[in-house]
């Protein structure tokens, strides 16, 4: 029972974050239902990688 509640709360959290960040909503809500709040980490990584991919087109990034 607790897992169902956590999954629904995770889906709600991911819905809000996906709307705020302009990510595909249905995909992240489905991930939230399946994985619960653990999918929030995946959303953050996906958003960061998409942002970096967009930034690399317009500038040079030095790596050590």
PDB file of N, CA and C in Angstrom:
ATOM      1  N   UNK A   1       0.819  -1.195   0.000  1.00  0.00           N
ATOM      2  CA  UNK A   1       0.000   0.000   0.000  1.00  0.00           C
ATOM      3  C   UNK A   1       0.863   1.258   0.000  1.00  0.00           C
ATOM      4  N   UNK A   2       1.961   1.197   0.753  1.00  0.00           N
ATOM      5  CA  UNK A   2       2.832   2.370   0.829  1.00  0.00           C
ATOM      6  C   UNK A   2       3.492   2.648  -0.521  1.00  0.00           C
ATOM      7  N   UNK A   3       3.826   1.572  -1.262  1.00  0.00           N
ATOM      8  CA  UNK A   3       4.467   1.751  -2.569  1.00  0.00           C
ATOM      9  C   UNK A   3       3.525   2.445  -3.548  1.00  0.00           C
ATOM     10  N   UNK A   4       2.238   2.144  -3.462  1.00  0.00           N
ATOM     11  CA  UNK A   4       1.262   2.778  -4.352  1.00  0.00           C
ATOM     12  C   UNK A   4       1.170   4.269  -4.048  1.00  0.00           C
ATOM     13  N   UNK A   5       1.150   4.623  -2.781  1.00  0.00           N
ATOM     14  CA  UNK A   5       1.094   6.036  -2.395  1.00  0.00           C
ATOM     15  C   UNK A   5       2.359   6.760  -2.848  1.00  0.00           C
ATOM     16  N   UNK A   6       3.523   6.135  -2.648  1.00  0.00           N
ATOM     17  CA  UNK A   6       4.777   6.753  -3.084  1.00  0.00           C
ATOM     18  C   UNK A   6       4.829   6.900  -4.602  1.00  0.00           C
ATOM     19  N   UNK A   7       4.317   5.922  -5.323  1.00  0.00           N
ATOM     20  CA  UNK A   7       4.296   6.005  -6.783  1.00  0.00           C
ATOM     21  C   UNK A   7       3.413   7.149  -7.257  1.00  0.00           C
ATOM     22  N   UNK A   8       2.269   7.304  -6.644  1.00  0.00           N
ATOM     23  CA  UNK A   8       1.375   8.397  -7.036  1.00  0.00           C
ATOM     24  C   UNK A   8       1.968   9.760  -6.692  1.00  0.00           C
ATOM     25  N   UNK A   9       2.602   9.848  -5.532  1.00  0.00           N
ATOM     26  CA  UNK A   9       3.257  11.118  -5.179  1.00  0.00           C
ATOM     27  C   UNK A   9       4.437  11.398  -6.106  1.00  0.00           C
ATOM     28  N   UNK A  10       5.174  10.361  -6.471  1.00  0.00           N
ATOM     29  CA  UNK A  10       6.276  10.529  -7.418  1.00  0.00           C
ATOM     30  C   UNK A  10       5.780  10.982  -8.778  1.00  0.00           C
ATOM     31  N   UNK A  11       4.663  10.419  -9.218  1.00  0.00           N
ATOM     32  CA  UNK A  11       4.088  10.830 -10.497  1.00  0.00           C
ATOM     33  C   UNK A  11       3.649  12.287 -10.446  1.00  0.00           C
ATOM     34  N   UNK A  12       3.066  12.697  -9.333  1.00  0.00           N
ATOM     35  CA  UNK A  12       2.643  14.097  -9.189  1.00  0.00           C
ATOM     36  C   UNK A  12       3.853  15.026  -9.180  1.00  0.00           C
ATOM     37  N   UNK A  13       4.897  14.642  -8.463  1.00  0.00           N
ATOM     38  CA  UNK A  13       6.125  15.438  -8.428  1.00  0.00           C
ATOM     39  C   UNK A  13       6.746  15.559  -9.814  1.00  0.00           C
ATOM     40  N   UNK A  14       6.798  14.451 -10.540  1.00  0.00           N
ATOM     41  CA  UNK A  14       7.379  14.482 -11.875  1.00  0.00           C
ATOM     42  C   UNK A  14       6.519  15.267 -12.853  1.00  0.00           C
ATOM     43  N   UNK A  15       5.201  15.248 -12.669  1.00  0.00           N
ATOM     44  CA  UNK A  15       4.331  16.060 -13.516  1.00  0.00           C
ATOM     45  C   UNK A  15       4.664  17.542 -13.364  1.00  0.00           C
ATOM     46  N   UNK A  16       4.784  17.980 -12.123  1.00  0.00           N
ATOM     47  CA  UNK A  16       5.075  19.391 -11.860  1.00  0.00           C
ATOM     48  C   UNK A  16       6.446  19.767 -12.425  1.00  0.00           C
ATOM     49  N   UNK A  17       7.453  18.920 -12.194  1.00  0.00           N
ATOM     50  CA  UNK A  17       8.804  19.217 -12.685  1.00  0.00           C
ATOM     51  C   UNK A  17       8.861  19.194 -14.207  1.00  0.00           C
ATOM     52  N   UNK A  18       8.154  18.249 -14.836  1.00  0.00           N
ATOM     53  CA  UNK A  18       8.166  18.184 -16.299  1.00  0.00           C
ATOM     54  C   UNK A  18       7.509  19.412 -16.909  1.00  0.00           C
ATOM     55  N   UNK A  19       6.446  19.896 -16.290  1.00  0.00           N
ATOM     56  CA  UNK A  19       5.795  21.111 -16.782  1.00  0.00           C
ATOM     57  C   UNK A  19       6.725  22.307 -16.613  1.00  0.00           C
ATOM     58  N   UNK A  20       7.388  22.402 -15.461  1.00  0.00           N
ATOM     59  CA  UNK A  20       8.294  23.533 -15.202  1.00  0.00           C
ATOM     60  C   UNK A  20       9.487  23.549 -16.152  1.00  0.00           C
ATOM     61  N   UNK A  21      10.023  22.369 -16.485  1.00  0.00           N
ATOM     62  CA  UNK A  21      11.229  22.299 -17.289  1.00  0.00           C
ATOM     63  C   UNK A  21      10.961  22.114 -18.776  1.00  0.00           C
ATOM     64  N   UNK A  22       9.689  21.962 -19.171  1.00  0.00           N
ATOM     65  CA  UNK A  22       9.353  21.822 -20.584  1.00  0.00           C
ATOM     66  C   UNK A  22       9.694  20.448 -21.142  1.00  0.00           C
ATOM     67  N   UNK A  23       9.620  19.431 -20.307  1.00  0.00           N
ATOM     68  CA  UNK A  23       9.932  18.061 -20.724  1.00  0.00           C
ATOM     69  C   UNK A  23       8.621  17.362 -21.124  1.00  0.00           C
ATOM     70  N   UNK A  24       8.719  16.219 -21.830  1.00  0.00           N
ATOM     71  CA  UNK A  24       7.500  15.479 -22.186  1.00  0.00           C
ATOM     72  C   UNK A  24       6.779  14.961 -20.932  1.00  0.00           C
ATOM     73  N   UNK A  25       5.527  15.338 -20.761  1.00  0.00           N
ATOM     74  CA  UNK A  25       4.812  15.089 -19.512  1.00  0.00           C
ATOM     75  C   UNK A  25       4.408  13.623 -19.361  1.00  0.00           C
ATOM     76  N   UNK A  26       3.830  13.034 -20.395  1.00  0.00           N
ATOM     77  CA  UNK A  26       3.324  11.661 -20.268  1.00  0.00           C
ATOM     78  C   UNK A  26       4.439  10.682 -19.939  1.00  0.00           C
ATOM     79  N   UNK A  27       5.589  10.858 -20.558  1.00  0.00           N
ATOM     80  CA  UNK A  27       6.713   9.950 -20.327  1.00  0.00           C
ATOM     81  C   UNK A  27       7.166   9.987 -18.876  1.00  0.00           C
ATOM     82  N   UNK A  28       7.244  11.182 -18.310  1.00  0.00           N
ATOM     83  CA  UNK A  28       7.757  11.298 -16.952  1.00  0.00           C
ATOM     84  C   UNK A  28       6.716  10.922 -15.908  1.00  0.00           C
ATOM     85  N   UNK A  29       5.448  11.126 -16.199  1.00  0.00           N
ATOM     86  CA  UNK A  29       4.409  10.665 -15.277  1.00  0.00           C
ATOM     87  C   UNK A  29       4.385   9.142 -15.247  1.00  0.00           C
ATOM     88  N   UNK A  30       4.534   8.508 -16.408  1.00  0.00           N
ATOM     89  CA  UNK A  30       4.580   7.041 -16.462  1.00  0.00           C
ATOM     90  C   UNK A  30       5.799   6.519 -15.693  1.00  0.00           C
ATOM     91  N   UNK A  31       6.935   7.190 -15.838  1.00  0.00           N
ATOM     92  CA  UNK A  31       8.126   6.786 -15.083  1.00  0.00           C
ATOM     93  C   UNK A  31       7.906   6.961 -13.585  1.00  0.00           C
ATOM     94  N   UNK A  32       7.198   8.010 -13.205  1.00  0.00           N
ATOM     95  CA  UNK A  32       6.899   8.238 -11.794  1.00  0.00           C
ATOM     96  C   UNK A  32       5.988   7.183 -11.221  1.00  0.00           C
ATOM     97  N   UNK A  33       5.040   6.700 -12.022  1.00  0.00           N
ATOM     98  CA  UNK A  33       4.147   5.644 -11.547  1.00  0.00           C
ATOM     99  C   UNK A  33       4.910   4.333 -11.395  1.00  0.00           C
ATOM    100  N   UNK A  34       5.821   4.054 -12.334  1.00  0.00           N
ATOM    101  CA  UNK A  34       6.555   2.787 -12.274  1.00  0.00           C
ATOM    102  C   UNK A  34       7.660   2.788 -11.229  1.00  0.00           C
ATOM    103  N   UNK A  35       8.401   3.884 -11.126  1.00  0.00           N
ATOM    104  CA  UNK A  35       9.587   3.915 -10.257  1.00  0.00           C
ATOM    105  C   UNK A  35       9.386   4.707  -8.978  1.00  0.00           C
ATOM    106  N   UNK A  36       8.322   5.467  -8.898  1.00  0.00           N
ATOM    107  CA  UNK A  36       8.115   6.284  -7.713  1.00  0.00           C
ATOM    108  C   UNK A  36       9.030   7.502  -7.734  1.00  0.00           C
ATOM    109  N   UNK A  37       9.408   8.001  -6.575  1.00  0.00           N
ATOM    110  CA  UNK A  37      10.235   9.203  -6.508  1.00  0.00           C
ATOM    111  C   UNK A  37      11.656   8.982  -7.034  1.00  0.00           C
ATOM    112  N   UNK A  38      12.067   7.746  -7.238  1.00  0.00           N
ATOM    113  CA  UNK A  38      13.418   7.478  -7.764  1.00  0.00           C
ATOM    114  C   UNK A  38      13.573   8.023  -9.181  1.00  0.00           C
ATOM    115  N   UNK A  39      12.487   8.142  -9.914  1.00  0.00           N
ATOM    116  CA  UNK A  39      12.548   8.634 -11.287  1.00  0.00           C
ATOM    117  C   UNK A  39      12.868  10.128 -11.331  1.00  0.00           C
ATOM    118  N   UNK A  40      12.748  10.822 -10.212  1.00  0.00           N
ATOM    119  CA  UNK A  40      13.070  12.251 -10.186  1.00  0.00           C
ATOM    120  C   UNK A  40      14.544  12.464 -10.502  1.00  0.00           C
ATOM    121  N   UNK A  41      15.402  11.577 -10.009  1.00  0.00           N
ATOM    122  CA  UNK A  41      16.832  11.660 -10.324  1.00  0.00           C
ATOM    123  C   UNK A  41      17.058  11.500 -11.822  1.00  0.00           C
ATOM    124  N   UNK A  42      16.320  10.589 -12.440  1.00  0.00           N
ATOM    125  CA  UNK A  42      16.439  10.388 -13.880  1.00  0.00           C
ATOM    126  C   UNK A  42      16.002  11.634 -14.646  1.00  0.00           C
ATOM    127  N   UNK A  43      14.953  12.290 -14.181  1.00  0.00           N
ATOM    128  CA  UNK A  43      14.497  13.512 -14.835  1.00  0.00           C
ATOM    129  C   UNK A  43      15.567  14.590 -14.764  1.00  0.00           C
ATOM    130  N   UNK A  44      16.199  14.726 -13.605  1.00  0.00           N
ATOM    131  CA  UNK A  44      17.240  15.743 -13.453  1.00  0.00           C
ATOM    132  C   UNK A  44      18.421  15.474 -14.383  1.00  0.00           C
ATOM    133  N   UNK A  45      18.835  14.201 -14.472  1.00  0.00           N
ATOM    134  CA  UNK A  45      19.952  13.845 -15.345  1.00  0.00           C
ATOM    135  C   UNK A  45      19.576  14.075 -16.804  1.00  0.00           C
ATOM    136  N   UNK A  46      18.361  13.692 -17.191  1.00  0.00           N
ATOM    137  CA  UNK A  46      17.922  13.868 -18.564  1.00  0.00           C
ATOM    138  C   UNK A  46      17.862  15.346 -18.927  1.00  0.00           C
ATOM    139  N   UNK A  47      17.353  16.169 -18.027  1.00  0.00           N
ATOM    140  CA  UNK A  47      17.276  17.607 -18.290  1.00  0.00           C
ATOM    141  C   UNK A  47      18.675  18.212 -18.405  1.00  0.00           C
ATOM    142  N   UNK A  48      19.580  17.813 -17.533  1.00  0.00           N
ATOM    143  CA  UNK A  48      20.950  18.341 -17.566  1.00  0.00           C
ATOM    144  C   UNK A  48      21.666  17.959 -18.865  1.00  0.00           C
ATOM    145  N   UNK A  49      21.496  16.688 -19.288  1.00  0.00           N
ATOM    146  CA  UNK A  49      22.144  16.247 -20.523  1.00  0.00           C
ATOM    147  C   UNK A  49      21.557  16.962 -21.736  1.00  0.00           C
ATOM    148  N   UNK A  50      20.247  17.196 -21.753  1.00  0.00           N
ATOM    149  CA  UNK A  50      19.627  17.924 -22.855  1.00  0.00           C
ATOM    150  C   UNK A  50      20.118  19.366 -22.875  1.00  0.00           C
ATOM    151  N   UNK A  51      20.263  19.963 -21.714  1.00  0.00           N
ATOM    152  CA  UNK A  51      20.763  21.342 -21.635  1.00  0.00           C
ATOM    153  C   UNK A  51      22.209  21.421 -22.136  1.00  0.00           C
ATOM    154  N   UNK A  52      23.037  20.471 -21.706  1.00  0.00           N
ATOM    155  CA  UNK A  52      24.427  20.461 -22.166  1.00  0.00           C
ATOM    156  C   UNK A  52      24.518  20.241 -23.667  1.00  0.00           C
ATOM    157  N   UNK A  53      23.698  19.346 -24.202  1.00  0.00           N
ATOM    158  CA  UNK A  53      23.704  19.083 -25.637  1.00  0.00           C
ATOM    159  C   UNK A  53      23.331  20.352 -26.397  1.00  0.00           C
ATOM    160  N   UNK A  54      22.407  21.135 -25.856  1.00  0.00           N
ATOM    161  CA  UNK A  54      22.007  22.386 -26.480  1.00  0.00           C
ATOM    162  C   UNK A  54      23.117  23.427 -26.361  1.00  0.00           C
ATOM    163  N   UNK A  55      23.816  23.480 -25.245  1.00  0.00           N
ATOM    164  CA  UNK A  55      24.864  24.465 -25.028  1.00  0.00           C
ATOM    165  C   UNK A  55      26.100  24.173 -25.864  1.00  0.00           C
ATOM    166  N   UNK A  56      26.394  22.913 -26.110  1.00  0.00           N
ATOM    167  CA  UNK A  56      27.596  22.564 -26.854  1.00  0.00           C
ATOM    168  C   UNK A  56      27.517  22.999 -28.307  1.00  0.00           C
ATOM    169  N   UNK A  57      26.329  23.212 -28.829  1.00  0.00           N
ATOM    170  CA  UNK A  57      26.189  23.684 -30.205  1.00  0.00           C
ATOM    171  C   UNK A  57      26.594  25.139 -30.343  1.00  0.00           C
ATOM    172  N   UNK A  58      26.458  25.921 -29.272  1.00  0.00           N
ATOM    173  CA  UNK A  58      26.677  27.361 -29.388  1.00  0.00           C
ATOM    174  C   UNK A  58      27.989  27.838 -28.758  1.00  0.00           C
ATOM    175  N   UNK A  59      28.710  26.984 -28.049  1.00  0.00           N
ATOM    176  CA  UNK A  59      29.947  27.446 -27.440  1.00  0.00           C
ATOM    177  C   UNK A  59      30.925  26.285 -27.289  1.00  0.00           C
ATOM    178  N   UNK A  60      32.129  26.625 -26.934  1.00  0.00           N
ATOM    179  CA  UNK A  60      33.181  25.622 -26.726  1.00  0.00           C
ATOM    180  C   UNK A  60      33.306  25.355 -25.232  1.00  0.00           C
ATOM    181  N   UNK A  61      33.409  24.108 -24.853  1.00  0.00           N
ATOM    182  CA  UNK A  61      33.533  23.747 -23.459  1.00  0.00           C
ATOM    183  C   UNK A  61      34.877  23.061 -23.253  1.00  0.00           C
ATOM    184  N   UNK A  62      35.714  23.622 -22.366  1.00  0.00           N
ATOM    185  CA  UNK A  62      37.025  23.065 -22.089  1.00  0.00           C
ATOM    186  C   UNK A  62      36.929  21.978 -21.037  1.00  0.00           C
ATOM    187  N   UNK A  63      37.630  20.892 -21.264  1.00  0.00           N
ATOM    188  CA  UNK A  63      37.649  19.802 -20.297  1.00  0.00           C
ATOM    189  C   UNK A  63      39.077  19.565 -19.858  1.00  0.00           C
ATOM    190  N   UNK A  64      39.239  19.298 -18.577  1.00  0.00           N
ATOM    191  CA  UNK A  64      40.580  19.059 -18.046  1.00  0.00           C
ATOM    192  C   UNK A  64      40.947  17.595 -18.133  1.00  0.00           C
TER     193      UNK A  64
END
